[in-house]
Amino acid sequence: MKEEKLMAHDPLSDADSILSEEYYGKRAGAAPLDAAKRAKALQRPTHYKVICISMYTRDLEELDAKVTELKKRGWTKANKSQLIRLALSSST
């Protein structure tokens, strides 16, 4: 290729910054994280894991109904995960 047709700067070399600014907007007043803060932000809890399971819609309806009933009875923080954990602990 001829020298005058070569680009002096590759526009895709900084695609991450282009995408973050174009699609997510510039973060006003956001200071860059130092290494320690970045490492802490990337740490994930080790005492639990988020999982995805498949359940039949009828089972989910029953689970939702049980959570609703518990909340009516005063267990305001009841949720599906707690009910599943309870079922697992009582089965042994």
Protein backbone atom coordinates (compact mmCIF):
# COMPACT_ATOMS: atom_id res chain seq x y z
CA MET A 1 0.00 0.00 0.00
CA LYS A 2 1.06 3.52 -0.54
CA GLU A 3 2.28 5.47 2.49
CA GLU A 4 -0.32 8.23 2.14
CA LYS A 5 -3.17 5.68 2.30
CA LEU A 6 -2.04 4.19 5.60
CA MET A 7 -3.80 5.40 8.68
CA ALA A 8 -1.65 7.14 11.25
CA HIS A 9 -3.93 5.92 14.04
CA ASP A 10 -5.97 2.73 14.21
CA PRO A 11 -9.48 3.87 15.25
CA LEU A 12 -10.33 0.44 16.66
CA SER A 13 -7.33 0.27 18.97
CA ASP A 14 -9.24 2.06 21.71
CA ALA A 15 -12.62 0.41 21.11
CA ASP A 16 -13.28 -0.08 24.82
CA SER A 17 -13.11 3.62 25.58
CA ILE A 18 -15.17 4.45 22.50
CA LEU A 19 -17.90 2.00 23.48
CA SER A 20 -17.93 2.99 27.12
CA GLU A 21 -18.26 6.67 26.29
CA GLU A 22 -20.71 6.30 23.39
CA TYR A 23 -23.06 3.74 24.93
CA TYR A 24 -22.66 4.25 28.64
CA GLY A 25 -21.73 7.93 28.78
CA LYS A 26 -18.83 9.56 30.50
CA ARG A 27 -18.80 9.19 34.24
CA ALA A 28 -18.83 12.70 35.61
CA GLY A 29 -16.28 13.25 38.33
CA ALA A 30 -15.27 9.60 38.48
CA ALA A 31 -11.67 9.23 39.51
CA PRO A 32 -9.79 6.21 38.18
CA LEU A 33 -9.45 3.39 40.70
CA ASP A 34 -6.03 2.66 42.12
CA ALA A 35 -4.77 -0.93 42.11
CA ALA A 36 -5.94 -1.70 45.66
CA LYS A 37 -9.47 -0.41 45.07
CA ARG A 38 -9.67 -2.22 41.73
CA ALA A 39 -8.58 -5.51 43.34
CA LYS A 40 -11.15 -5.11 46.12
CA ALA A 41 -13.90 -4.33 43.59
CA LEU A 42 -13.08 -7.51 41.66
CA GLN A 43 -13.21 -9.76 44.73
CA ARG A 44 -16.26 -11.93 44.88
CA PRO A 45 -17.81 -13.48 47.96
CA THR A 46 -16.69 -17.04 48.57
CA HIS A 47 -19.45 -18.13 50.97
CA TYR A 48 -22.07 -18.47 48.22
CA LYS A 49 -22.45 -18.75 44.45
CA VAL A 50 -25.17 -17.48 42.16
CA ILE A 51 -26.59 -20.34 40.12
CA CYS A 52 -29.27 -20.80 37.52
CA ILE A 53 -31.66 -23.74 37.66
CA SER A 54 -34.63 -24.82 35.59
CA MET A 55 -37.94 -25.50 37.26
CA TYR A 56 -41.38 -26.32 36.01
CA THR A 57 -43.76 -23.37 35.99
CA ARG A 58 -46.14 -25.21 38.36
CA ASP A 59 -43.29 -25.69 40.86
CA LEU A 60 -42.37 -22.01 40.62
CA GLU A 61 -45.99 -21.03 41.21
CA GLU A 62 -46.08 -23.20 44.34
CA LEU A 63 -42.79 -21.76 45.54
CA ASP A 64 -44.05 -18.20 44.99
CA ALA A 65 -47.28 -19.05 46.85
CA LYS A 66 -45.30 -20.39 49.81
CA VAL A 67 -43.14 -17.23 49.91
CA THR A 68 -46.27 -15.08 49.78
CA GLU A 69 -47.85 -17.06 52.62
CA LEU A 70 -44.72 -16.74 54.76
CA LYS A 71 -44.66 -12.99 54.19
CA LYS A 72 -48.34 -12.75 55.22
CA ARG A 73 -47.42 -14.60 58.42
CA GLY A 74 -44.75 -12.05 59.27
CA TRP A 75 -41.61 -13.51 57.68
CA THR A 76 -41.07 -10.36 55.65
CA LYS A 77 -37.64 -11.38 54.36
CA ALA A 78 -38.73 -14.80 53.12
CA ASN A 79 -37.61 -15.66 49.60
CA LYS A 80 -37.29 -18.60 47.21
CA SER A 81 -33.64 -19.25 48.02
CA GLN A 82 -34.39 -19.57 51.73
CA LEU A 83 -37.21 -22.02 51.07
CA ILE A 84 -35.02 -24.17 48.83
CA ARG A 85 -32.23 -24.15 51.46
CA LEU A 86 -34.76 -25.13 54.13
CA ALA A 87 -36.03 -27.99 51.97
CA LEU A 88 -32.48 -29.21 51.44
CA SER A 89 -31.61 -29.04 55.13
CA SER A 90 -34.76 -30.84 56.26
CA SER A 91 -34.35 -33.67 53.76
CA THR A 92 -31.30 -35.07 55.57
